[in-house]
Each structure stands twice: as C-alpha cells, then as structure tokens.
C-alpha cells in the first residue's frame, strides 16, 4: 500500500533555506516534514571551505554546516524524509505531493526551498578543478584569491558583477566572453570599462582549465578564438564560471507563477507565492544574492509567513464553526 504522511507544514528542499524553515516551523509546534530531494543539504554539501557564514571565527566545511543544521532541525522536532517529489497538486488544501516511490505527502502549507544550480561549461577539466581554483561564486570564494590573478567567464550581469566584485581582492581580473559584446546592463558595462583592474578578452571560449598538478590546482586557462580558431593560454590562479543559474522550479511550472528566468515570484517583502498557503524561500526565488545566509534568512521568513497563514486560517475555521 502507498504510504501517506500528513503535516501542518511540508517543506521541499533541505538546504539552508529549507532547514531554517524547518527549525522555525518545529519551534512553532507545526511538526514539519522536510522532503530532502535529490541533493540533501543543498549546494553547500559540494562546498569545502566556508568563511562567510556568521557565527564561526574559523573556516568551516560546507557539509559539516549542513549536517549541523539538519541535526538542529531534527532536535526541535522536524522529520526528514529521503525522497524526490515527482508530482504536485496545489489546487486545494491540504496540498498533495507525490514522491518517485509513490509515497504521498500532505501539507496544510507548503514551503518550496528547492534551490538553484549554477550553470557550468561542462568540461572534464572543470569538474576536476572545482574547489581547486575553479568556482561559480566570486562572493563565496573571491577572498581566497587576494592579490592573485583571476578570470571570469561570461557576458551577462552575473559575469560583470562578479568581475567588479573581484577587484576588491585582485589587481588583475580578466573577463572572458565568447562574443564581441556583453548582454549585461549598460550601467554595469560602464562601471566595468572604467575599472583599470579589469581587462576583457572578446570572442574567446574556454577549451580547458589547466591543472598545475599536485596541490597547485588551477594555473591557467586554454582559450580558443571563436572567429579564427586560434588557441592561446592565460595564467590565472582562480577561474569563476558566471554564466547563470538554473532554479529548480520545473516541477512547479503551471502551478505557481514564475518570472521570465523561471524563478518563483513572491510578493515583495514576503515569501508568499501566487497560491495562498504556498511559500518560497532561498535560491529558488532569489536571483540576486544567492548566499547561504540570505537563503537561511528567507527560510525564517517563510516559516513565519506560513505560521501566520495557518493561524489566520484556523481562526476563520473556528469562527465559521461557531457561527453554525
């Protein structure tokens, strides 16, 4: 027989946003169920050194941080379920989600915290050197390259913003773009071209990230001219892939409102989505900041918004029953 789990607060996703929502929901007595998804712990489980999460003087490890968050959520009463949701029905409450095993999850409110994934170039050398000189987050890892040569790959807002940010740490930033013009906003381009620490390589695509061997990590990038095919190499200590993100929202397409980039739309200043009782937090609704601490903050907001929604719904139900 198909198993069914019911809860007042159902949370989909187990990164900083989902687990923070679980902590607040559990402390409010909502006995949340967290469906962890295909990557329990979220993106931080693929990150090694974390230096910018508040409360830790020394460098901590991403997987350890997520283990501690999960343990805290379970300690206060949240229940973790290892499953991947394949179907959703948000047409009525309780909301109904179905896992790939056939297990059904019912929630009076739903918190969506499925996150987003950075887009990568898809190179074998990129996989080999992730965390060893190749990154997809300048804000997260730029500090480690203070005084070193770095390169950013991309041509949109993200790439230009990351190149500008890296000038806080590096005097030598190269922006590599496969075309001869940027897609980034004009104001960002003006700031970029005015910054003497940044040089731009046009019509270049990355063929290979060069491994220095041993503990050296990334030492250079092999480039190919997109017009002539000519190969060249630049020496760098850090390479930042900045070609955008994929929010994990395909499951909710047609169920909640998404923006043009497929992020879930929320009411300004809240985590409320287009469906009453459904809330979104973390990178699935945040295309601007995409940090663990901001994800955790919106997870707190989602739990508080959900708690208030339930309190109002319960009050209306009791008032209706009293009137009858």
Protein backbone atom coordinates (compact mmCIF):
# COMPACT_ATOMS: atom_id res chain seq x y z
CA UNK A 1 0.00 0.00 0.00
CA UNK A 2 1.11 3.57 -0.69
CA UNK A 3 2.38 5.36 2.40
CA UNK A 4 0.88 8.76 3.25
CA UNK A 5 2.47 11.36 5.52
CA UNK A 6 0.50 14.38 6.75
CA UNK A 7 1.80 17.53 8.39
CA UNK A 8 0.82 21.10 9.06
CA UNK A 9 3.99 22.32 7.31
CA UNK A 10 5.51 20.46 4.37
CA UNK A 11 8.95 21.65 3.25
CA UNK A 12 10.52 20.68 -0.06
CA UNK A 13 14.30 21.08 -0.06
CA UNK A 14 16.96 20.67 2.62
CA UNK A 15 19.50 23.43 2.04
CA UNK A 16 19.93 26.41 4.39
CA UNK A 17 16.50 27.80 3.43
CA UNK A 18 14.55 24.59 3.91
CA UNK A 19 16.27 23.60 7.15
CA UNK A 20 15.90 27.06 8.67
CA UNK A 21 12.19 26.97 7.81
CA UNK A 22 12.07 23.56 9.47
CA UNK A 23 13.73 24.86 12.65
CA UNK A 24 11.28 27.76 12.96
CA UNK A 25 8.30 25.62 11.98
CA UNK A 26 9.17 22.94 14.53
CA UNK A 27 9.61 25.51 17.30
CA UNK A 28 6.13 26.81 16.43
CA UNK A 29 4.70 23.33 17.00
CA UNK A 30 3.94 22.63 13.34
CA UNK A 31 5.84 19.31 13.24
CA UNK A 32 7.27 19.98 9.76
CA UNK A 33 8.20 17.24 7.33
CA UNK A 34 11.22 18.00 5.13
CA UNK A 35 11.43 16.12 1.83
CA UNK A 36 15.13 16.33 1.12
CA UNK A 37 15.21 15.92 -2.65
CA UNK A 38 17.99 14.68 -4.91
CA UNK A 39 20.72 16.71 -3.17
CA UNK A 40 20.18 16.59 0.60
CA UNK A 41 21.84 19.60 2.19
CA UNK A 42 21.80 21.66 -1.00
CA UNK A 43 24.73 23.34 -2.71
CA UNK A 44 26.78 23.73 0.47
CA UNK A 45 27.37 19.98 0.50
CA UNK A 46 29.54 20.49 -2.60
CA UNK A 47 31.48 23.34 -1.00
CA UNK A 48 34.58 22.85 1.12
CA UNK A 49 35.78 25.98 2.93
CA UNK A 50 33.08 28.37 4.16
CA UNK A 51 34.33 31.63 5.66
CA UNK A 52 31.37 33.96 5.33
CA UNK A 53 28.64 32.27 7.38
CA UNK A 54 28.09 34.28 10.59
CA UNK A 55 29.00 32.79 13.93
CA UNK A 56 32.19 30.92 13.06
CA UNK A 57 35.57 32.53 13.61
CA UNK A 58 37.50 29.84 11.77
CA UNK A 59 36.89 28.31 8.35
CA UNK A 60 34.19 25.64 8.43
CA UNK A 61 33.25 22.93 5.96
CA UNK A 62 30.02 23.20 3.97
CA UNK A 63 28.90 19.58 4.51
CA UNK A 64 29.52 19.90 8.25
CA UNK A 65 27.43 23.07 8.43
CA UNK A 66 24.52 21.36 6.72
CA UNK A 67 24.81 18.32 8.99
CA UNK A 68 24.57 20.64 11.99
CA UNK A 69 21.54 22.46 10.54
CA UNK A 70 19.78 19.15 9.91
CA UNK A 71 20.62 17.89 13.40
CA UNK A 72 19.25 21.11 14.90
CA UNK A 73 16.03 20.83 12.87
CA UNK A 74 15.56 17.21 13.95
CA UNK A 75 16.37 18.08 17.56
CA UNK A 76 13.47 20.54 17.73
CA UNK A 77 11.01 18.17 16.07
CA UNK A 78 11.34 18.28 12.26
CA UNK A 79 11.14 14.98 10.39
CA UNK A 80 13.43 14.27 7.42
CA UNK A 81 12.22 12.16 4.50
CA UNK A 82 14.57 10.83 1.84
CA UNK A 83 12.51 11.17 -1.32
CA UNK A 84 12.25 13.04 -4.60
CA UNK A 85 8.93 14.66 -5.48
CA UNK A 86 7.64 13.95 -8.99
CA UNK A 87 4.05 15.28 -8.86
CA UNK A 88 2.34 18.19 -7.13
CA UNK A 89 -1.31 19.15 -6.67
CA UNK A 90 -1.74 22.67 -5.32
CA UNK A 91 -5.39 23.08 -6.32
CA UNK A 92 -6.70 22.50 -2.79
CA UNK A 93 -5.51 22.25 0.79
CA UNK A 94 -4.02 20.13 2.12
CA UNK A 95 -1.55 20.28 -0.74
CA UNK A 96 -0.62 16.90 -2.17
CA UNK A 97 2.88 15.95 -3.29
CA UNK A 98 3.87 12.52 -4.58
CA UNK A 99 7.36 11.01 -4.39
CA UNK A 100 9.00 8.83 -7.01
CA UNK A 101 8.34 5.83 -4.73
CA UNK A 102 4.63 6.59 -4.72
CA UNK A 103 4.66 7.97 -1.19
CA UNK A 104 2.14 10.79 -0.73
CA UNK A 105 2.86 13.88 1.35
CA UNK A 106 0.02 16.14 2.53
CA UNK A 107 0.66 19.59 3.93
CA UNK A 108 -1.63 22.33 5.18
CA UNK A 109 1.04 24.73 3.98
CA UNK A 110 3.93 24.15 1.59
CA UNK A 111 7.38 25.77 1.73
CA UNK A 112 9.32 25.45 -1.53
CA UNK A 113 13.08 25.57 -0.96
CA UNK A 114 14.35 23.58 -3.93
CA UNK A 115 17.21 25.98 -4.66
CA UNK A 116 19.12 26.61 -7.86
CA UNK A 117 22.21 25.21 -9.51
CA UNK A 118 24.99 27.18 -11.14
CA UNK A 119 25.38 26.57 -14.85
CA UNK A 120 28.75 25.10 -15.78
CA UNK A 121 30.65 24.84 -19.03
CA UNK A 122 30.58 21.05 -18.98
CA UNK A 123 34.32 20.47 -19.33
CA UNK A 124 36.12 17.49 -17.78
CA UNK A 125 38.87 19.82 -16.57
CA UNK A 126 36.22 21.99 -14.92
CA UNK A 127 34.93 19.04 -12.88
CA UNK A 128 38.47 18.07 -11.94
CA UNK A 129 39.35 21.53 -10.62
CA UNK A 130 36.11 22.55 -8.89
CA UNK A 131 37.17 23.76 -5.47
CA UNK A 132 40.81 23.76 -6.61
CA UNK A 133 40.77 27.06 -8.44
CA UNK A 134 37.50 26.79 -10.37
CA UNK A 135 34.39 28.25 -8.76
CA UNK A 136 30.92 29.51 -9.66
CA UNK A 137 30.65 32.12 -6.88
CA UNK A 138 33.00 35.08 -6.57
CA UNK A 139 31.25 36.34 -3.45
CA UNK A 140 31.82 32.96 -1.80
CA UNK A 141 35.40 32.31 -2.88
CA UNK A 142 36.91 35.59 -4.07
CA UNK A 143 38.61 36.22 -0.72
CA UNK A 144 40.87 33.21 -1.27
CA UNK A 145 42.42 34.95 -4.29
CA UNK A 146 43.51 38.17 -2.63
CA UNK A 147 46.45 39.57 -4.59
CA UNK A 148 46.24 36.82 -7.24
CA UNK A 149 45.29 36.69 -10.92
CA UNK A 150 41.71 35.66 -11.61
CA UNK A 151 39.43 35.24 -14.62
CA UNK A 152 35.65 35.37 -15.01
CA UNK A 153 33.84 33.55 -17.83
CA UNK A 154 30.56 35.01 -19.11
CA UNK A 155 28.94 38.08 -20.59
CA UNK A 156 25.76 38.81 -18.66
CA UNK A 157 25.01 40.72 -15.47
CA UNK A 158 26.36 37.94 -13.29
CA UNK A 159 29.73 37.86 -15.03
CA UNK A 160 30.19 41.64 -14.99
CA UNK A 161 29.11 41.91 -11.36
CA UNK A 162 31.49 39.12 -10.34
CA UNK A 163 34.38 40.72 -12.22
CA UNK A 164 33.71 44.04 -10.47
CA UNK A 165 33.46 42.32 -7.10
CA UNK A 166 36.76 40.51 -7.61
CA UNK A 167 38.60 43.82 -7.99
CA UNK A 168 38.14 44.15 -4.22
CA UNK A 169 40.63 41.30 -3.90
CA UNK A 170 42.64 41.14 -7.11
CA UNK A 171 44.54 43.75 -9.13
CA UNK A 172 44.40 41.53 -12.23
CA UNK A 173 40.93 40.42 -13.35
CA UNK A 174 40.28 39.09 -16.86
CA UNK A 175 36.74 38.79 -18.19
CA UNK A 176 36.44 36.16 -20.94
CA UNK A 177 33.46 36.36 -23.30
CA UNK A 178 32.72 34.28 -26.37
CA UNK A 179 31.09 37.18 -28.23
CA UNK A 180 32.13 40.75 -29.11
CA UNK A 181 29.59 42.50 -26.88
CA UNK A 182 28.06 41.99 -23.43
CA UNK A 183 24.45 41.19 -22.58
CA UNK A 184 24.88 42.96 -19.23
CA UNK A 185 23.06 46.18 -18.37
CA UNK A 186 24.69 49.34 -19.73
CA UNK A 187 25.36 50.82 -16.30
CA UNK A 188 27.27 47.70 -15.30
CA UNK A 189 29.26 47.79 -18.54
CA UNK A 190 30.20 51.41 -17.90
CA UNK A 191 31.50 50.53 -14.45
CA UNK A 192 33.42 47.60 -15.88
CA UNK A 193 35.12 49.56 -18.66
CA UNK A 194 36.04 52.31 -16.20
CA UNK A 195 37.82 49.87 -13.88
CA UNK A 196 41.54 49.68 -14.63
CA UNK A 197 41.88 46.35 -12.85
CA UNK A 198 39.72 44.55 -15.42
CA UNK A 199 40.66 43.58 -18.96
CA UNK A 200 38.29 41.93 -21.42
CA UNK A 201 39.09 39.13 -23.86
CA UNK A 202 36.48 39.17 -26.62
CA UNK A 203 35.50 36.26 -28.87
CA UNK A 204 37.18 33.68 -26.66
CA UNK A 205 35.80 30.41 -25.30
CA UNK A 206 37.33 28.16 -22.69
CA UNK A 207 38.73 24.91 -24.04
CA UNK A 208 40.41 23.68 -20.89
CA UNK A 209 41.25 24.60 -17.32
CA UNK A 210 44.92 23.79 -16.81
CA UNK A 211 45.89 21.74 -13.76
CA UNK A 212 49.27 22.51 -12.22
CA UNK A 213 49.47 19.03 -10.73
CA UNK A 214 49.86 18.01 -7.12
CA UNK A 215 48.47 20.65 -4.79
CA UNK A 216 48.91 23.51 -7.28
CA UNK A 217 45.34 23.39 -8.60
CA UNK A 218 44.41 25.76 -11.40
CA UNK A 219 47.37 27.51 -13.06
CA UNK A 220 45.92 28.64 -16.38
CA UNK A 221 43.11 28.55 -18.94
CA UNK A 222 43.38 27.44 -22.56
CA UNK A 223 41.25 29.62 -24.84
CA UNK A 224 40.04 29.29 -28.42
CA UNK A 225 39.21 32.28 -30.58
CA UNK A 226 35.59 31.84 -31.71
CA UNK A 227 36.29 33.53 -35.05
CA UNK A 228 39.73 32.26 -36.06
CA UNK A 229 40.09 29.08 -34.01
CA UNK A 230 43.46 30.27 -32.72
CA UNK A 231 44.49 28.80 -29.37
CA UNK A 232 46.02 30.80 -26.55
CA UNK A 233 46.72 30.40 -22.83
CA UNK A 234 46.45 32.80 -19.92
CA UNK A 235 47.93 32.26 -16.47
CA UNK A 236 45.45 32.55 -13.62
CA UNK A 237 45.12 31.33 -10.05
CA UNK A 238 41.32 31.38 -9.99
CA UNK A 239 38.62 30.89 -12.62
CA UNK A 240 35.00 31.88 -11.99
CA UNK A 241 32.27 30.48 -14.25
CA UNK A 242 29.48 33.08 -14.31
CA UNK A 243 27.02 32.01 -16.99
CA UNK A 244 23.87 31.95 -14.87
CA UNK A 245 21.82 29.60 -12.70
CA UNK A 246 19.03 27.04 -13.12
CA UNK A 247 16.33 27.45 -10.44
CA UNK A 248 14.80 24.08 -9.59
CA UNK A 249 11.23 25.06 -10.49
CA UNK A 250 10.27 22.76 -13.36
CA UNK A 251 8.07 20.75 -11.01
CA UNK A 252 6.02 23.87 -10.23
CA UNK A 253 5.62 25.24 -13.74
CA UNK A 254 1.91 25.82 -14.29
CA UNK A 255 1.21 25.55 -10.55
CA UNK A 256 2.74 28.79 -9.21
CA UNK A 257 3.74 31.98 -11.02
CA UNK A 258 7.32 32.08 -12.31
CA UNK A 259 9.26 35.04 -13.71
CA UNK A 260 10.94 35.15 -17.11
CA UNK A 261 14.02 33.40 -15.70
CA UNK A 262 11.91 30.61 -14.11
CA UNK A 263 12.37 31.82 -10.52
CA UNK A 264 9.27 31.65 -8.32
CA UNK A 265 7.55 35.02 -7.97
CA UNK A 266 6.87 36.15 -4.41
CA UNK A 267 5.09 39.20 -3.06
CA UNK A 268 7.64 41.96 -2.31
CA UNK A 269 8.84 41.79 1.27
CA UNK A 270 7.42 38.31 1.85
CA UNK A 271 7.73 34.70 0.74
CA UNK A 272 4.09 34.38 -0.39
CA UNK A 273 3.62 32.93 -3.86
CA UNK A 274 0.65 33.19 -6.22
CA UNK A 275 -1.00 30.26 -4.39
CA UNK A 276 -2.30 31.02 -0.88
CA UNK A 277 -0.57 28.74 1.60
CA UNK A 278 2.45 28.12 -0.63
CA UNK A 279 5.67 29.93 0.23
CA UNK A 280 9.08 30.04 -1.48
CA UNK A 281 12.47 30.75 0.01
CA UNK A 282 16.16 30.58 -0.83
CA UNK A 283 17.71 30.48 -4.28
CA UNK A 284 14.50 29.24 -5.91
CA UNK A 285 13.12 32.78 -5.54
CA UNK A 286 16.33 34.83 -5.11
CA UNK A 287 18.29 35.57 -8.27
CA UNK A 288 20.19 38.49 -6.72
CA UNK A 289 22.06 37.40 -3.58
CA UNK A 290 22.28 33.58 -3.66
CA UNK A 291 24.15 33.24 -0.37
CA UNK A 292 23.69 30.64 2.35
CA UNK A 293 22.95 33.31 4.94
CA UNK A 294 20.32 35.04 2.79
CA UNK A 295 18.75 31.67 1.99
CA UNK A 296 18.55 30.93 5.71
CA UNK A 297 17.00 34.35 6.29
CA UNK A 298 14.25 33.77 3.75
CA UNK A 299 13.71 30.31 5.23
CA UNK A 300 12.95 32.01 8.54
CA UNK A 301 10.59 34.40 6.73
CA UNK A 302 8.79 31.51 5.01
CA UNK A 303 8.19 29.71 8.30
CA UNK A 304 6.86 32.87 9.95
CA UNK A 305 4.66 33.65 6.94
CA UNK A 306 3.35 30.07 6.97
CA UNK A 307 2.68 30.15 10.72
CA UNK A 308 0.66 33.37 10.37
CA UNK A 309 -1.26 31.94 7.42
CA UNK A 310 -2.21 28.87 9.46
CA UNK A 311 -3.19 30.95 12.49
CA UNK A 312 -5.50 33.10 10.35
CA UNK A 313 -6.97 30.02 8.64
CA UNK A 314 -7.57 28.30 11.97
CA UNK A 315 -9.25 31.42 13.37
CA UNK A 316 -11.55 31.68 10.36
CA UNK A 317 -12.44 27.97 10.63
CA UNK A 318 -13.32 28.28 14.32
CA UNK A 319 -15.34 31.44 13.70
CA UNK A 320 -17.26 29.69 10.92
CA UNK A 321 -17.94 26.65 13.13
CA UNK A 322 -19.11 28.89 15.98
CA UNK A 323 -21.46 30.74 13.63
CA UNK A 324 -23.03 27.47 12.51
